Amino acid sequence: MADHLTKEKRSWNMSRIRSKETAPEIAFRKLIYRAGFRYRLYDKTLPGKPDLVMKKHKIIVFIHGCFWHGHENCRRGNKPKTHKKYWNAKIKGNVARDRKNITTLENSGWRVFAVWECELKDLETVLQKFKEFVGTKDA
């Protein structure tokens, strides 16, 4: 199946995809901030430039987009039907990089909490899982 957009229009669309300040990221940040948790954003000194860093708890949070990070068995994680070779390699590389960064962080004493974009449909469940991960029922 051919792309229905011109090469220039597709390039423009792709350039608008952000890696920071995404809607899932903002939703999770608001959720845990209201619960009393404080954090720093995008620490460039840590592997993977984590979305949130909670030094007090020694916790790193990654908010993964289902498509870009290869969420299996998720409808948002479906791979495109065109340019399969490119997209399979791209997403496989992202998953491998994520795994490497998480391992490096854990070996450095950090605890890593990853949230999938699709999980944020149920904010209460995500908040409960996060509180349990941190080790507190109340922030």
C-alpha atoms as a PDB file:
ATOM      1  CA  MET A   1       0.000   0.000   0.000  1.00  0.00           C
ATOM      2  CA  ALA A   2       1.437   3.354  -1.024  1.00  0.00           C
ATOM      3  CA  ASP A   3       1.616   6.319   1.311  1.00  0.00           C
ATOM      4  CA  HIS A   4      -1.218   8.739   0.551  1.00  0.00           C
ATOM      5  CA  LEU A   5       0.890  11.735   1.628  1.00  0.00           C
ATOM      6  CA  THR A   6       3.669  13.385  -0.321  1.00  0.00           C
ATOM      7  CA  LYS A   7       7.198  12.845   0.918  1.00  0.00           C
ATOM      8  CA  GLU A   8       7.335  16.474   2.114  1.00  0.00           C
ATOM      9  CA  LYS A   9       4.008  16.263   3.979  1.00  0.00           C
ATOM     10  CA  ARG A  10       5.015  12.948   5.627  1.00  0.00           C
ATOM     11  CA  SER A  11       8.338  14.503   6.664  1.00  0.00           C
ATOM     12  CA  TRP A  12       6.500  17.504   8.140  1.00  0.00           C
ATOM     13  CA  ASN A  13       4.105  15.201  10.047  1.00  0.00           C
ATOM     14  CA  MET A  14       6.949  13.124  11.458  1.00  0.00           C
ATOM     15  CA  SER A  15       8.859  16.249  12.528  1.00  0.00           C
ATOM     16  CA  ARG A  16       5.910  17.196  14.751  1.00  0.00           C
ATOM     17  CA  ILE A  17       6.196  14.041  16.871  1.00  0.00           C
ATOM     18  CA  ARG A  18       7.695  15.095  20.185  1.00  0.00           C
ATOM     19  CA  SER A  19       9.903  13.192  22.552  1.00  0.00           C
ATOM     20  CA  LYS A  20       9.206  15.518  25.490  1.00  0.00           C
ATOM     21  CA  GLU A  21       6.055  17.004  26.975  1.00  0.00           C
ATOM     22  CA  THR A  22       3.799  14.374  25.398  1.00  0.00           C
ATOM     23  CA  ALA A  23       0.163  14.022  26.476  1.00  0.00           C
ATOM     24  CA  PRO A  24       0.753  10.689  28.296  1.00  0.00           C
ATOM     25  CA  GLU A  25       3.748  12.180  30.087  1.00  0.00           C
ATOM     26  CA  ILE A  26       1.819  15.239  31.240  1.00  0.00           C
ATOM     27  CA  ALA A  27      -1.131  13.098  32.402  1.00  0.00           C
ATOM     28  CA  PHE A  28       1.174  10.915  34.531  1.00  0.00           C
ATOM     29  CA  ARG A  29       3.049  13.910  35.944  1.00  0.00           C
ATOM     30  CA  LYS A  30      -0.185  15.636  36.985  1.00  0.00           C
ATOM     31  CA  LEU A  31      -1.428  12.399  38.546  1.00  0.00           C
ATOM     32  CA  ILE A  32       1.582  11.820  40.774  1.00  0.00           C
ATOM     33  CA  TYR A  33       2.059  15.525  41.573  1.00  0.00           C
ATOM     34  CA  ARG A  34      -1.513  15.669  42.921  1.00  0.00           C
ATOM     35  CA  ALA A  35      -0.660  12.596  44.998  1.00  0.00           C
ATOM     36  CA  GLY A  36       2.212  14.494  46.603  1.00  0.00           C
ATOM     37  CA  PHE A  37       5.212  13.123  44.699  1.00  0.00           C
ATOM     38  CA  ARG A  38       7.913  15.510  43.519  1.00  0.00           C
ATOM     39  CA  TYR A  39      10.327  14.897  40.677  1.00  0.00           C
ATOM     40  CA  ARG A  40      12.768  16.385  38.185  1.00  0.00           C
ATOM     41  CA  LEU A  41      12.425  16.123  34.409  1.00  0.00           C
ATOM     42  CA  TYR A  42      14.776  14.675  31.783  1.00  0.00           C
ATOM     43  CA  ASP A  43      18.083  14.237  33.603  1.00  0.00           C
ATOM     44  CA  LYS A  44      20.567  14.251  30.715  1.00  0.00           C
ATOM     45  CA  THR A  45      23.292  12.792  32.929  1.00  0.00           C
ATOM     46  CA  LEU A  46      21.414   9.490  33.305  1.00  0.00           C
ATOM     47  CA  PRO A  47      21.166   6.783  30.618  1.00  0.00           C
ATOM     48  CA  GLY A  48      18.045   7.132  28.479  1.00  0.00           C
ATOM     49  CA  LYS A  49      17.357  10.690  29.684  1.00  0.00           C
ATOM     50  CA  PRO A  50      14.499   9.530  31.957  1.00  0.00           C
ATOM     51  CA  ASP A  51      11.145  11.308  31.801  1.00  0.00           C
ATOM     52  CA  LEU A  52      11.021  11.684  35.600  1.00  0.00           C
ATOM     53  CA  VAL A  53      13.689  11.370  38.278  1.00  0.00           C
ATOM     54  CA  MET A  54      12.811  11.075  41.960  1.00  0.00           C
ATOM     55  CA  LYS A  55      16.143  11.286  43.767  1.00  0.00           C
ATOM     56  CA  LYS A  56      14.506  11.078  47.209  1.00  0.00           C
ATOM     57  CA  HIS A  57      13.192   7.590  46.389  1.00  0.00           C
ATOM     58  CA  LYS A  58      16.014   6.696  43.944  1.00  0.00           C
ATOM     59  CA  ILE A  59      13.330   6.067  41.291  1.00  0.00           C
ATOM     60  CA  ILE A  60      13.384   6.635  37.542  1.00  0.00           C
ATOM     61  CA  VAL A  61      10.154   6.794  35.533  1.00  0.00           C
ATOM     62  CA  PHE A  62       9.868   6.186  31.805  1.00  0.00           C
ATOM     63  CA  ILE A  63       6.566   6.871  30.062  1.00  0.00           C
ATOM     64  CA  HIS A  64       6.628   4.726  26.930  1.00  0.00           C
ATOM     65  CA  GLY A  65       4.572   5.396  23.838  1.00  0.00           C
ATOM     66  CA  CYS A  66       3.102   2.056  22.771  1.00  0.00           C
ATOM     67  CA  PHE A  67       4.067   2.484  19.103  1.00  0.00           C
ATOM     68  CA  TRP A  68       7.604   3.825  19.535  1.00  0.00           C
ATOM     69  CA  HIS A  69       8.613   1.385  22.264  1.00  0.00           C
ATOM     70  CA  GLY A  70       7.026  -1.744  20.785  1.00  0.00           C
ATOM     71  CA  HIS A  71       4.282  -2.542  23.286  1.00  0.00           C
ATOM     72  CA  GLU A  72       3.272  -6.091  22.421  1.00  0.00           C
ATOM     73  CA  ASN A  73      -0.390  -7.118  22.271  1.00  0.00           C
ATOM     74  CA  CYS A  74      -1.503  -3.492  22.275  1.00  0.00           C
ATOM     75  CA  ARG A  75      -3.527  -1.980  19.474  1.00  0.00           C
ATOM     76  CA  ARG A  76      -1.484   1.232  19.711  1.00  0.00           C
ATOM     77  CA  GLY A  77       1.677  -0.840  19.317  1.00  0.00           C
ATOM     78  CA  ASN A  78       0.798  -2.082  15.825  1.00  0.00           C
ATOM     79  CA  LYS A  79       3.545  -1.696  13.271  1.00  0.00           C
ATOM     80  CA  PRO A  80       2.842   0.122   9.990  1.00  0.00           C
ATOM     81  CA  LYS A  81       1.972  -1.975   6.975  1.00  0.00           C
ATOM     82  CA  THR A  82       4.347  -0.073   4.688  1.00  0.00           C
ATOM     83  CA  HIS A  83       8.149   0.087   4.997  1.00  0.00           C
ATOM     84  CA  LYS A  84       8.038  -2.914   7.325  1.00  0.00           C
ATOM     85  CA  LYS A  85      11.781  -3.519   7.207  1.00  0.00           C
ATOM     86  CA  TYR A  86      12.527   0.053   8.332  1.00  0.00           C
ATOM     87  CA  TRP A  87       9.909   0.131  11.103  1.00  0.00           C
ATOM     88  CA  ASN A  88      10.752  -3.315  12.459  1.00  0.00           C
ATOM     89  CA  ALA A  89      14.422  -2.343  12.730  1.00  0.00           C
ATOM     90  CA  LYS A  90      13.568   1.070  14.233  1.00  0.00           C
ATOM     91  CA  ILE A  91      11.254  -0.286  16.927  1.00  0.00           C
ATOM     92  CA  LYS A  92      13.498  -3.279  17.658  1.00  0.00           C
ATOM     93  CA  GLY A  93      16.387  -0.819  18.154  1.00  0.00           C
ATOM     94  CA  ASN A  94      14.267   1.311  20.510  1.00  0.00           C
ATOM     95  CA  VAL A  95      13.341  -1.750  22.598  1.00  0.00           C
ATOM     96  CA  ALA A  96      16.973  -2.873  22.791  1.00  0.00           C
ATOM     97  CA  ARG A  97      18.096   0.634  23.807  1.00  0.00           C
ATOM     98  CA  ASP A  98      15.379   0.784  26.484  1.00  0.00           C
ATOM     99  CA  ARG A  99      16.452  -2.591  27.877  1.00  0.00           C
ATOM    100  CA  LYS A 100      20.121  -1.510  27.953  1.00  0.00           C
ATOM    101  CA  ASN A 101      19.325   1.815  29.661  1.00  0.00           C
ATOM    102  CA  ILE A 102      17.115   0.172  32.286  1.00  0.00           C
ATOM    103  CA  THR A 103      19.761  -2.443  33.058  1.00  0.00           C
ATOM    104  CA  THR A 104      22.439   0.244  33.402  1.00  0.00           C
ATOM    105  CA  LEU A 105      20.226   2.307  35.719  1.00  0.00           C
ATOM    106  CA  GLU A 106      19.316  -0.695  37.876  1.00  0.00           C
ATOM    107  CA  ASN A 107      22.976  -1.695  38.134  1.00  0.00           C
ATOM    108  CA  SER A 108      23.655   1.849  39.373  1.00  0.00           C
ATOM    109  CA  GLY A 109      21.148   1.442  42.204  1.00  0.00           C
ATOM    110  CA  TRP A 110      18.089   3.097  40.617  1.00  0.00           C
ATOM    111  CA  ARG A 111      14.637   1.510  40.640  1.00  0.00           C
ATOM    112  CA  VAL A 112      12.892   1.874  37.281  1.00  0.00           C
ATOM    113  CA  PHE A 113       9.133   2.258  36.820  1.00  0.00           C
ATOM    114  CA  ALA A 114       7.862   2.131  33.227  1.00  0.00           C
ATOM    115  CA  VAL A 115       4.361   3.215  32.263  1.00  0.00           C
ATOM    116  CA  TRP A 116       2.799   2.407  28.902  1.00  0.00           C
ATOM    117  CA  GLU A 117       0.717   5.034  27.143  1.00  0.00           C
ATOM    118  CA  CYS A 118      -2.305   2.694  27.002  1.00  0.00           C
ATOM    119  CA  GLU A 119      -2.201   2.115  30.786  1.00  0.00           C
ATOM    120  CA  LEU A 120      -2.977   5.783  31.366  1.00  0.00           C
ATOM    121  CA  LYS A 121      -6.611   5.181  30.409  1.00  0.00           C
ATOM    122  CA  ASP A 122      -7.081   4.004  34.003  1.00  0.00           C
ATOM    123  CA  LEU A 123      -5.296   6.637  36.083  1.00  0.00           C
ATOM    124  CA  GLU A 124      -6.382   5.266  39.461  1.00  0.00           C
ATOM    125  CA  THR A 125      -4.876   1.856  38.731  1.00  0.00           C
ATOM    126  CA  VAL A 126      -1.640   3.449  37.510  1.00  0.00           C
ATOM    127  CA  LEU A 127      -1.440   5.610  40.633  1.00  0.00           C
ATOM    128  CA  GLN A 128      -2.015   2.593  42.870  1.00  0.00           C
ATOM    129  CA  LYS A 129       0.703   0.600  41.066  1.00  0.00           C
ATOM    130  CA  PHE A 130       3.079   3.564  41.383  1.00  0.00           C
ATOM    131  CA  LYS A 131       2.405   3.991  45.109  1.00  0.00           C
ATOM    132  CA  GLU A 132       3.037   0.290  45.657  1.00  0.00           C
ATOM    133  CA  PHE A 133       6.259   0.539  43.643  1.00  0.00           C
ATOM    134  CA  VAL A 134       7.432   3.485  45.738  1.00  0.00           C
ATOM    135  CA  GLY A 135       6.443   1.629  48.882  1.00  0.00           C
ATOM    136  CA  THR A 136       3.788   3.925  50.212  1.00  0.00           C
ATOM    137  CA  LYS A 137       0.008   3.951  50.257  1.00  0.00           C
ATOM    138  CA  ASP A 138       0.009   7.713  50.830  1.00  0.00           C
ATOM    139  CA  ALA A 139       2.496  10.156  49.385  1.00  0.00           C
END
